[in-house]
Amino acid sequence: MISKTRRLLGISLLAIAAGCSQTDKPGEMGVASGTGQQASQQPAVIQGACPQVYLREGTAVHRAYARGAKDDPEKLLYQATLSATTRQCVQSESNLTVTVMAQGRVVSGPAGASGTVTLPIRVAATDGDKTLYSNLAKFSVTVPPEGTAQYVFTDANVVLPGGAGGFSKIYVGFDEGPYNTQ
């Protein structure tokens, strides 16, 4: 009796999951209504082949200190963190364009003040040992007098070759430079 109940529960959950992954609207699948052909005005959004975004170990926290005071907690200007990532991919005939987003927070330290801080955030895409994309951005965040600010960093220009995706990985993290490198 228990195994029959478990089997029915399992089948019910599979049916629910299958229903959640379907759509009744052809436009949501990149298909023009009534024609059965892909709509040319809308690129296909591909999540299954969209590379995962990872926070590279050791790059999710960035600390800035007053001049000449490296690692002195009393001279900490601010600490920035990255905590969550997401992405969206759009497939064209020749490229996979990825919009990468990372959520973070900046907290003023004992030597800090309100104002604008500039965070060095790198987005890099790899396929094994091969670098497909790398960009180091200077991202500004305004810290209010309360001393804490949340932010969302977005890089909508991650363009990968059309066949990329299956083994590609995207990394986001703080990188103190230099800025003129890829």
N, C-alpha and C. Protein backbone atom coordinates (compact mmCIF):
# COMPACT_ATOMS: atom_id res chain seq x y z
N MET A 1 0.83 -1.19 0.00
CA MET A 1 0.00 0.00 0.00
C MET A 1 0.87 1.25 0.00
N ILE A 2 1.94 1.23 0.83
CA ILE A 2 2.81 2.41 0.91
C ILE A 2 3.52 2.64 -0.42
N SER A 3 4.02 1.57 -1.08
CA SER A 3 4.73 1.74 -2.33
C SER A 3 3.79 2.24 -3.43
N LYS A 4 2.52 1.82 -3.40
CA LYS A 4 1.55 2.29 -4.38
C LYS A 4 1.28 3.78 -4.17
N THR A 5 1.18 4.22 -2.91
CA THR A 5 0.97 5.64 -2.60
C THR A 5 2.16 6.46 -3.05
N ARG A 6 3.37 5.95 -2.80
CA ARG A 6 4.58 6.66 -3.24
C ARG A 6 4.64 6.77 -4.75
N ARG A 7 4.27 5.70 -5.44
CA ARG A 7 4.28 5.70 -6.90
C ARG A 7 3.30 6.74 -7.43
N LEU A 8 2.09 6.79 -6.86
CA LEU A 8 1.10 7.77 -7.29
C LEU A 8 1.57 9.20 -7.01
N LEU A 9 2.20 9.40 -5.85
CA LEU A 9 2.74 10.72 -5.52
C LEU A 9 3.82 11.12 -6.50
N GLY A 10 4.71 10.18 -6.84
CA GLY A 10 5.78 10.45 -7.81
C GLY A 10 5.23 10.81 -9.17
N ILE A 11 4.23 10.06 -9.64
CA ILE A 11 3.61 10.34 -10.94
C ILE A 11 2.92 11.70 -10.92
N SER A 12 2.26 12.02 -9.83
CA SER A 12 1.59 13.32 -9.70
C SER A 12 2.60 14.46 -9.77
N LEU A 13 3.72 14.31 -9.07
CA LEU A 13 4.75 15.36 -9.09
C LEU A 13 5.34 15.52 -10.48
N LEU A 14 5.56 14.41 -11.20
CA LEU A 14 6.08 14.49 -12.57
C LEU A 14 5.08 15.20 -13.48
N ALA A 15 3.80 14.91 -13.31
CA ALA A 15 2.78 15.56 -14.13
C ALA A 15 2.75 17.06 -13.87
N ILE A 16 2.88 17.45 -12.62
CA ILE A 16 2.90 18.88 -12.28
C ILE A 16 4.12 19.54 -12.88
N ALA A 17 5.29 18.90 -12.76
CA ALA A 17 6.53 19.47 -13.30
C ALA A 17 6.44 19.59 -14.82
N ALA A 18 5.87 18.60 -15.48
CA ALA A 18 5.73 18.65 -16.93
C ALA A 18 4.80 19.79 -17.34
N GLY A 19 3.75 20.00 -16.60
CA GLY A 19 2.82 21.09 -16.90
C GLY A 19 3.46 22.44 -16.72
N CYS A 20 4.40 22.57 -15.75
CA CYS A 20 5.06 23.85 -15.51
C CYS A 20 6.04 24.22 -16.59
N SER A 21 6.54 23.23 -17.36
CA SER A 21 7.54 23.52 -18.37
C SER A 21 6.93 23.73 -19.74
N GLN A 22 5.62 23.73 -19.84
CA GLN A 22 4.97 23.92 -21.13
C GLN A 22 4.32 25.29 -21.17
N THR A 23 4.03 25.72 -22.40
CA THR A 23 3.34 26.98 -22.59
C THR A 23 2.27 26.81 -23.65
N ASP A 24 1.20 27.53 -23.52
CA ASP A 24 0.13 27.50 -24.50
C ASP A 24 0.29 28.58 -25.54
N LYS A 25 1.24 29.49 -25.32
CA LYS A 25 1.39 30.63 -26.21
C LYS A 25 2.56 30.39 -27.16
N PRO A 26 2.32 30.25 -28.46
CA PRO A 26 3.40 29.99 -29.40
C PRO A 26 4.46 31.10 -29.38
N GLY A 27 4.09 32.34 -29.13
CA GLY A 27 5.04 33.45 -29.12
C GLY A 27 6.09 33.30 -28.05
N GLU A 28 5.76 32.62 -26.95
CA GLU A 28 6.73 32.43 -25.87
C GLU A 28 7.81 31.43 -26.26
N MET A 29 7.56 30.63 -27.30
CA MET A 29 8.54 29.65 -27.73
C MET A 29 9.30 30.12 -28.96
N GLY A 30 9.11 31.39 -29.38
CA GLY A 30 9.79 31.90 -30.56
C GLY A 30 9.15 31.44 -31.85
N VAL A 31 7.88 31.01 -31.80
CA VAL A 31 7.16 30.54 -32.98
C VAL A 31 6.05 31.53 -33.29
N ALA A 32 5.95 31.91 -34.55
CA ALA A 32 4.88 32.82 -34.96
C ALA A 32 3.57 32.06 -34.93
N SER A 33 2.55 32.69 -34.41
CA SER A 33 1.25 32.06 -34.27
C SER A 33 0.67 31.72 -35.64
N GLY A 34 0.28 30.47 -35.81
CA GLY A 34 -0.40 30.05 -37.02
C GLY A 34 0.53 29.62 -38.14
N THR A 35 1.84 29.95 -38.12
CA THR A 35 2.71 29.60 -39.23
C THR A 35 3.57 28.39 -38.94
N GLY A 36 3.88 28.14 -37.66
CA GLY A 36 4.75 27.02 -37.33
C GLY A 36 6.21 27.30 -37.61
N GLN A 37 6.55 28.52 -38.02
CA GLN A 37 7.94 28.88 -38.28
C GLN A 37 8.41 29.83 -37.20
N GLN A 38 9.73 29.85 -37.01
CA GLN A 38 10.29 30.73 -35.98
C GLN A 38 10.08 32.18 -36.41
N ALA A 39 9.63 33.00 -35.47
CA ALA A 39 9.39 34.41 -35.76
C ALA A 39 10.73 35.10 -35.97
N SER A 40 10.90 35.77 -37.10
CA SER A 40 12.18 36.40 -37.42
C SER A 40 12.42 37.65 -36.59
N GLN A 41 11.36 38.30 -36.12
CA GLN A 41 11.54 39.52 -35.35
C GLN A 41 11.92 39.27 -33.90
N GLN A 42 11.78 38.04 -33.41
CA GLN A 42 12.10 37.72 -32.03
C GLN A 42 13.18 36.66 -31.97
N PRO A 43 14.34 36.97 -31.35
CA PRO A 43 15.36 35.94 -31.18
C PRO A 43 14.90 34.90 -30.17
N ALA A 44 15.43 33.70 -30.30
CA ALA A 44 15.05 32.63 -29.40
C ALA A 44 15.79 32.77 -28.08
N VAL A 45 15.06 32.70 -26.98
CA VAL A 45 15.66 32.72 -25.65
C VAL A 45 15.92 31.26 -25.28
N ILE A 46 17.18 30.96 -25.02
CA ILE A 46 17.59 29.60 -24.75
C ILE A 46 18.12 29.51 -23.33
N GLN A 47 17.44 28.83 -22.43
CA GLN A 47 17.93 28.67 -21.07
C GLN A 47 18.64 27.33 -20.88
N GLY A 48 18.25 26.31 -21.61
CA GLY A 48 18.84 24.99 -21.44
C GLY A 48 20.32 24.97 -21.78
N ALA A 49 20.74 25.71 -22.81
CA ALA A 49 22.14 25.76 -23.22
C ALA A 49 22.85 27.00 -22.69
N CYS A 50 22.22 27.70 -21.79
CA CYS A 50 22.79 28.93 -21.24
C CYS A 50 23.82 28.57 -20.17
N PRO A 51 25.08 29.00 -20.33
CA PRO A 51 26.12 28.64 -19.36
C PRO A 51 25.81 29.13 -17.95
N GLN A 52 26.17 28.34 -16.96
CA GLN A 52 25.99 28.72 -15.56
C GLN A 52 26.92 29.87 -15.21
N VAL A 53 26.52 30.68 -14.23
CA VAL A 53 27.35 31.76 -13.73
C VAL A 53 27.84 31.38 -12.34
N TYR A 54 29.15 31.52 -12.13
CA TYR A 54 29.77 31.13 -10.86
C TYR A 54 30.48 32.33 -10.25
N LEU A 55 30.50 32.37 -8.93
CA LEU A 55 31.36 33.32 -8.22
C LEU A 55 32.68 32.59 -8.00
N ARG A 56 33.73 33.11 -8.59
CA ARG A 56 35.05 32.45 -8.46
C ARG A 56 35.54 32.57 -7.03
N GLU A 57 36.05 31.47 -6.50
CA GLU A 57 36.51 31.43 -5.12
C GLU A 57 37.55 32.53 -4.87
N GLY A 58 37.36 33.26 -3.79
CA GLY A 58 38.29 34.31 -3.42
C GLY A 58 38.03 35.66 -4.07
N THR A 59 36.99 35.74 -4.93
CA THR A 59 36.72 37.02 -5.61
C THR A 59 35.35 37.59 -5.27
N ALA A 60 34.66 37.05 -4.29
CA ALA A 60 33.31 37.51 -3.96
C ALA A 60 33.32 38.62 -2.92
N VAL A 61 34.52 38.95 -2.36
CA VAL A 61 34.63 40.01 -1.36
C VAL A 61 35.73 40.96 -1.79
N HIS A 62 35.45 42.25 -1.69
CA HIS A 62 36.44 43.29 -2.02
C HIS A 62 36.49 44.29 -0.86
N ARG A 63 37.68 44.54 -0.36
CA ARG A 63 37.85 45.51 0.73
C ARG A 63 38.75 46.64 0.26
N ALA A 64 38.38 47.86 0.64
CA ALA A 64 39.19 49.04 0.33
C ALA A 64 39.60 49.69 1.64
N TYR A 65 40.88 50.02 1.74
CA TYR A 65 41.44 50.60 2.96
C TYR A 65 41.95 52.02 2.67
N ALA A 66 42.10 52.80 3.72
CA ALA A 66 42.72 54.12 3.60
C ALA A 66 44.15 53.92 3.10
N ARG A 67 44.67 54.90 2.43
CA ARG A 67 46.00 54.81 1.81
C ARG A 67 47.05 54.31 2.81
N GLY A 68 47.76 53.25 2.39
CA GLY A 68 48.85 52.71 3.20
C GLY A 68 48.41 51.88 4.38
N ALA A 69 47.17 51.48 4.47
CA ALA A 69 46.68 50.76 5.66
C ALA A 69 46.11 49.39 5.29
N LYS A 70 46.73 48.68 4.40
CA LYS A 70 46.24 47.37 3.96
C LYS A 70 46.03 46.42 5.14
N ASP A 71 44.86 45.83 5.22
CA ASP A 71 44.49 44.84 6.24
C ASP A 71 44.36 45.39 7.66
N ASP A 72 44.31 46.70 7.83
CA ASP A 72 44.08 47.29 9.15
C ASP A 72 42.58 47.52 9.31
N PRO A 73 41.88 46.75 10.16
CA PRO A 73 40.42 46.87 10.27
C PRO A 73 39.95 48.27 10.65
N GLU A 74 40.75 49.03 11.37
CA GLU A 74 40.35 50.38 11.76
C GLU A 74 40.42 51.36 10.58
N LYS A 75 41.15 51.00 9.53
CA LYS A 75 41.31 51.87 8.35
C LYS A 75 40.48 51.39 7.16
N LEU A 76 39.54 50.47 7.42
CA LEU A 76 38.68 49.95 6.36
C LEU A 76 37.72 51.04 5.89
N LEU A 77 37.76 51.35 4.59
CA LEU A 77 36.83 52.33 4.01
C LEU A 77 35.47 51.68 3.74
N TYR A 78 35.49 50.53 3.06
CA TYR A 78 34.26 49.79 2.79
C TYR A 78 34.59 48.35 2.45
N GLN A 79 33.56 47.51 2.56
CA GLN A 79 33.65 46.13 2.11
C GLN A 79 32.48 45.88 1.17
N ALA A 80 32.79 45.33 0.00
CA ALA A 80 31.76 44.99 -0.98
C ALA A 80 31.72 43.48 -1.14
N THR A 81 30.52 42.94 -1.33
CA THR A 81 30.36 41.51 -1.53
C THR A 81 29.45 41.25 -2.73
N LEU A 82 29.66 40.11 -3.36
CA LEU A 82 28.76 39.57 -4.38
C LEU A 82 28.14 38.33 -3.78
N SER A 83 26.81 38.18 -3.91
CA SER A 83 26.18 37.06 -3.23
C SER A 83 25.32 36.17 -4.12
N ALA A 84 24.78 36.67 -5.19
CA ALA A 84 23.88 35.86 -6.02
C ALA A 84 24.06 36.27 -7.48
N THR A 85 23.90 35.29 -8.38
CA THR A 85 24.05 35.56 -9.81
C THR A 85 22.89 34.93 -10.57
N THR A 86 22.67 35.45 -11.76
CA THR A 86 21.71 34.86 -12.68
C THR A 86 22.13 35.25 -14.09
N ARG A 87 21.46 34.66 -15.09
CA ARG A 87 21.77 34.98 -16.48
C ARG A 87 20.57 34.69 -17.36
N GLN A 88 20.63 35.26 -18.57
CA GLN A 88 19.64 34.99 -19.60
C GLN A 88 20.38 34.94 -20.92
N CYS A 89 20.07 33.97 -21.75
CA CYS A 89 20.74 33.81 -23.04
C CYS A 89 19.77 34.00 -24.18
N VAL A 90 20.26 34.64 -25.23
CA VAL A 90 19.50 34.80 -26.46
C VAL A 90 20.36 34.27 -27.60
N GLN A 91 19.83 33.31 -28.35
CA GLN A 91 20.55 32.67 -29.45
C GLN A 91 20.23 33.36 -30.76
N SER A 92 21.27 33.74 -31.50
CA SER A 92 21.08 34.24 -32.86
C SER A 92 21.67 33.20 -33.80
N GLU A 93 21.76 33.53 -35.09
CA GLU A 93 22.30 32.56 -36.05
C GLU A 93 23.76 32.23 -35.76
N SER A 94 24.54 33.20 -35.26
CA SER A 94 25.97 32.98 -35.10
C SER A 94 26.49 33.14 -33.67
N ASN A 95 25.69 33.69 -32.76
CA ASN A 95 26.18 33.98 -31.41
C ASN A 95 25.17 33.58 -30.34
N LEU A 96 25.71 33.45 -29.13
CA LEU A 96 24.90 33.29 -27.93
C LEU A 96 25.19 34.53 -27.09
N THR A 97 24.21 35.40 -26.93
CA THR A 97 24.40 36.62 -26.15
C THR A 97 23.83 36.39 -24.76
N VAL A 98 24.68 36.62 -23.76
CA VAL A 98 24.32 36.35 -22.38
C VAL A 98 24.25 37.66 -21.61
N THR A 99 23.17 37.86 -20.88
CA THR A 99 23.06 38.97 -19.94
C THR A 99 23.33 38.37 -18.56
N VAL A 100 24.41 38.85 -17.93
CA VAL A 100 24.84 38.35 -16.63
C VAL A 100 24.49 39.39 -15.58
N MET A 101 23.90 38.94 -14.48
CA MET A 101 23.57 39.83 -13.37
C MET A 101 24.11 39.26 -12.07
N ALA A 102 24.61 40.17 -11.22
CA ALA A 102 25.12 39.77 -9.91
C ALA A 102 24.60 40.74 -8.87
N GLN A 103 24.11 40.21 -7.77
CA GLN A 103 23.61 41.03 -6.67
C GLN A 103 24.70 41.17 -5.63
N GLY A 104 24.79 42.36 -5.04
CA GLY A 104 25.81 42.56 -4.02
C GLY A 104 25.42 43.62 -3.02
N ARG A 105 26.39 43.88 -2.13
CA ARG A 105 26.16 44.84 -1.05
C ARG A 105 27.48 45.53 -0.71
N VAL A 106 27.38 46.82 -0.37
CA VAL A 106 28.54 47.59 0.09
C VAL A 106 28.23 48.09 1.49
N VAL A 107 29.20 47.90 2.40
CA VAL A 107 29.05 48.35 3.78
C VAL A 107 30.25 49.24 4.11
N SER A 108 29.98 50.43 4.63
CA SER A 108 31.07 51.33 5.04
C SER A 108 31.80 50.76 6.25
N GLY A 109 33.12 50.99 6.27
CA GLY A 109 33.93 50.57 7.40
C GLY A 109 34.15 51.72 8.36
N PRO A 110 34.97 51.51 9.41
CA PRO A 110 35.24 52.55 10.41
C PRO A 110 35.83 53.83 9.82
N ALA A 111 36.62 53.71 8.74
CA ALA A 111 37.24 54.89 8.12
C ALA A 111 36.44 55.37 6.91
N GLY A 112 35.29 54.75 6.64
CA GLY A 112 34.50 55.09 5.46
C GLY A 112 33.51 56.21 5.70
N ALA A 113 32.91 56.64 4.61
CA ALA A 113 31.91 57.70 4.64
C ALA A 113 30.91 57.46 3.53
N SER A 114 29.83 58.21 3.54
CA SER A 114 28.87 58.08 2.45
C SER A 114 29.48 58.67 1.19
N GLY A 115 28.94 58.27 0.06
CA GLY A 115 29.44 58.75 -1.22
C GLY A 115 29.49 57.62 -2.23
N THR A 116 30.14 57.88 -3.34
CA THR A 116 30.22 56.90 -4.42
C THR A 116 31.52 56.11 -4.32
N VAL A 117 31.39 54.79 -4.42
CA VAL A 117 32.56 53.91 -4.48
C VAL A 117 32.56 53.24 -5.84
N THR A 118 33.75 52.91 -6.33
CA THR A 118 33.88 52.25 -7.63
C THR A 118 34.39 50.84 -7.40
N LEU A 119 33.61 49.87 -7.87
CA LEU A 119 33.93 48.47 -7.68
C LEU A 119 34.49 47.88 -8.97
N PRO A 120 35.61 47.15 -8.88
CA PRO A 120 36.19 46.50 -10.06
C PRO A 120 35.59 45.10 -10.25
N ILE A 121 34.63 44.95 -11.15
CA ILE A 121 33.95 43.67 -11.33
C ILE A 121 34.30 43.09 -12.70
N ARG A 122 34.82 41.85 -12.69
CA ARG A 122 35.16 41.17 -13.94
C ARG A 122 34.14 40.09 -14.24
N VAL A 123 33.75 40.02 -15.52
CA VAL A 123 32.94 38.93 -16.04
C VAL A 123 33.81 38.22 -17.06
N ALA A 124 33.96 36.92 -16.92
CA ALA A 124 34.77 36.13 -17.85
C ALA A 124 34.02 34.85 -18.20
N ALA A 125 34.10 34.47 -19.48
CA ALA A 125 33.50 33.22 -19.94
C ALA A 125 34.61 32.33 -20.47
N THR A 126 34.57 31.07 -20.08
CA THR A 126 35.59 30.12 -20.51
C THR A 126 34.95 28.86 -21.06
N ASP A 127 35.73 28.18 -21.88
CA ASP A 127 35.37 26.84 -22.36
C ASP A 127 36.63 26.02 -22.19
N GLY A 128 36.73 25.32 -21.07
CA GLY A 128 37.97 24.62 -20.72
C GLY A 128 39.05 25.64 -20.41
N ASP A 129 40.18 25.55 -21.13
CA ASP A 129 41.29 26.49 -20.93
C ASP A 129 41.16 27.73 -21.81
N LYS A 130 40.19 27.76 -22.68
CA LYS A 130 40.04 28.86 -23.64
C LYS A 130 39.14 29.96 -23.07
N THR A 131 39.61 31.21 -23.12
CA THR A 131 38.81 32.35 -22.68
C THR A 131 37.97 32.84 -23.86
N LEU A 132 36.66 32.84 -23.69
CA LEU A 132 35.74 33.28 -24.74
C LEU A 132 35.38 34.75 -24.60
N TYR A 133 35.42 35.27 -23.36
CA TYR A 133 35.01 36.65 -23.09
C TYR A 133 35.62 37.06 -21.77
N SER A 134 36.06 38.31 -21.69
CA SER A 134 36.55 38.86 -20.43
C SER A 134 36.39 40.37 -20.46
N ASN A 135 35.77 40.91 -19.42
CA ASN A 135 35.59 42.36 -19.32
C ASN A 135 35.68 42.77 -17.85
N LEU A 136 36.53 43.76 -17.60
CA LEU A 136 36.69 44.31 -16.26
C LEU A 136 36.03 45.68 -16.25
N ALA A 137 34.96 45.80 -15.49
CA ALA A 137 34.17 47.04 -15.45
C ALA A 137 34.42 47.81 -14.17
N LYS A 138 34.31 49.12 -14.26
CA LYS A 138 34.33 50.00 -13.09
C LYS A 138 32.88 50.32 -12.80
N PHE A 139 32.34 49.72 -11.75
CA PHE A 139 30.91 49.83 -11.43
C PHE A 139 30.74 50.74 -10.21
N SER A 140 29.98 51.81 -10.37
CA SER A 140 29.78 52.79 -9.28
C SER A 140 28.56 52.45 -8.45
N VAL A 141 28.73 52.56 -7.14
CA VAL A 141 27.64 52.35 -6.18
C VAL A 141 27.65 53.53 -5.22
N THR A 142 26.49 54.12 -4.98
CA THR A 142 26.37 55.23 -4.03
C THR A 142 25.99 54.68 -2.67
N VAL A 143 26.84 54.96 -1.69
CA VAL A 143 26.59 54.52 -0.32
C VAL A 143 25.94 55.68 0.43
N PRO A 144 24.74 55.48 0.98
CA PRO A 144 24.04 56.55 1.70
C PRO A 144 24.67 56.77 3.09
N PRO A 145 24.25 57.83 3.79
CA PRO A 145 24.78 58.09 5.14
C PRO A 145 24.58 56.92 6.12
N GLU A 146 23.58 56.07 5.88
CA GLU A 146 23.36 54.92 6.76
C GLU A 146 24.51 53.92 6.67
N GLY A 147 25.28 53.98 5.57
CA GLY A 147 26.47 53.15 5.45
C GLY A 147 26.32 51.82 4.76
N THR A 148 25.14 51.50 4.23
CA THR A 148 24.92 50.22 3.55
C THR A 148 24.14 50.45 2.26
N ALA A 149 24.60 49.83 1.18
CA ALA A 149 23.90 49.93 -0.10
C ALA A 149 23.87 48.56 -0.77
N GLN A 150 22.74 48.22 -1.34
CA GLN A 150 22.64 47.02 -2.16
C GLN A 150 22.69 47.44 -3.61
N TYR A 151 23.18 46.55 -4.47
CA TYR A 151 23.29 46.89 -5.89
C TYR A 151 23.08 45.64 -6.73
N VAL A 152 22.80 45.87 -8.02
CA VAL A 152 22.73 44.80 -9.00
C VAL A 152 23.62 45.21 -10.17
N PHE A 153 24.64 44.43 -10.43
CA PHE A 153 25.56 44.65 -11.54
C PHE A 153 25.04 43.86 -12.74
N THR A 154 25.06 44.49 -13.93
CA THR A 154 24.60 43.83 -15.14
C THR A 154 25.61 44.02 -16.26
N ASP A 155 25.95 42.93 -16.92
CA ASP A 155 26.74 42.97 -18.15
C ASP A 155 25.90 42.29 -19.21
N ALA A 156 25.30 43.08 -20.11
CA ALA A 156 24.40 42.54 -21.13
C ALA A 156 25.12 42.26 -22.44
N ASN A 157 26.45 42.38 -22.46
CA ASN A 157 27.20 42.26 -23.70
C ASN A 157 28.13 41.06 -23.75
N VAL A 158 27.81 40.00 -23.05
CA VAL A 158 28.64 38.80 -23.08
C VAL A 158 28.25 38.02 -24.33
N VAL A 159 29.08 38.09 -25.37
CA VAL A 159 28.78 37.43 -26.64
C VAL A 159 29.73 36.25 -26.80
N LEU A 160 29.14 35.06 -26.93
CA LEU A 160 29.89 33.83 -27.09
C LEU A 160 29.64 33.26 -28.48
N PRO A 161 30.59 32.48 -29.01
CA PRO A 161 30.35 31.85 -30.32
C PRO A 161 29.11 30.98 -30.29
N GLY A 162 28.44 30.84 -31.42
CA GLY A 162 27.18 30.12 -31.51
C GLY A 162 27.19 28.72 -30.96
N GLY A 163 28.29 28.00 -31.04
CA GLY A 163 28.34 26.64 -30.53
C GLY A 163 28.68 26.55 -29.06
N ALA A 164 28.95 27.68 -28.42
CA ALA A 164 29.30 27.66 -27.00
C ALA A 164 28.06 27.38 -26.17
N GLY A 165 28.28 26.97 -24.96
CA GLY A 165 27.15 26.77 -24.06
C GLY A 165 27.25 25.49 -23.28
N GLY A 166 27.47 24.36 -23.94
CA GLY A 166 27.46 23.08 -23.27
C GLY A 166 28.51 22.94 -22.18
N PHE A 167 29.75 23.33 -22.47
CA PHE A 167 30.82 23.19 -21.50
C PHE A 167 31.35 24.55 -21.04
N SER A 168 30.74 25.62 -21.46
CA SER A 168 31.18 26.96 -21.09
C SER A 168 30.75 27.29 -19.68
N LYS A 169 31.55 28.13 -19.03
CA LYS A 169 31.22 28.64 -17.70
C LYS A 169 31.45 30.13 -17.70
N ILE A 170 30.64 30.84 -16.94
CA ILE A 170 30.81 32.28 -16.79
C ILE A 170 31.13 32.56 -15.33
N TYR A 171 32.14 33.39 -15.12
CA TYR A 171 32.58 33.75 -13.77
C TYR A 171 32.38 35.24 -13.56
N VAL A 172 31.97 35.60 -12.35
CA VAL A 172 31.84 36.99 -11.94
C VAL A 172 32.60 37.13 -10.63
N GLY A 173 33.34 38.24 -10.51
CA GLY A 173 34.06 38.46 -9.27
C GLY A 173 34.78 39.80 -9.27
N PHE A 174 35.28 40.18 -8.12
CA PHE A 174 36.05 41.41 -8.01
C PHE A 174 37.47 41.13 -8.52
N ASP A 175 38.01 42.10 -9.26
CA ASP A 175 39.37 41.99 -9.81
C ASP A 175 39.96 43.37 -9.82
N GLU A 176 41.03 43.55 -9.09
CA GLU A 176 41.62 44.88 -8.94
C GLU A 176 42.48 45.32 -10.11
N GLY A 177 42.44 44.62 -11.21
CA GLY A 177 43.06 45.13 -12.42
C GLY A 177 44.29 44.36 -12.83
N PRO A 178 44.97 44.86 -13.83
CA PRO A 178 44.78 46.14 -14.51
C PRO A 178 43.58 46.13 -15.44
N TYR A 179 43.07 47.33 -15.73
CA TYR A 179 41.84 47.46 -16.51
C TYR A 179 42.05 47.29 -18.00
N ASN A 180 43.27 47.42 -18.50
CA ASN A 180 43.49 47.37 -19.95
C ASN A 180 43.73 45.95 -20.47
N THR A 181 43.43 44.92 -19.69
CA THR A 181 43.62 43.55 -20.14
C THR A 181 42.28 42.92 -20.49
N GLN A 182 42.35 41.91 -21.27
CA GLN A 182 41.16 41.11 -21.59
C GLN A 182 41.29 39.84 -20.80
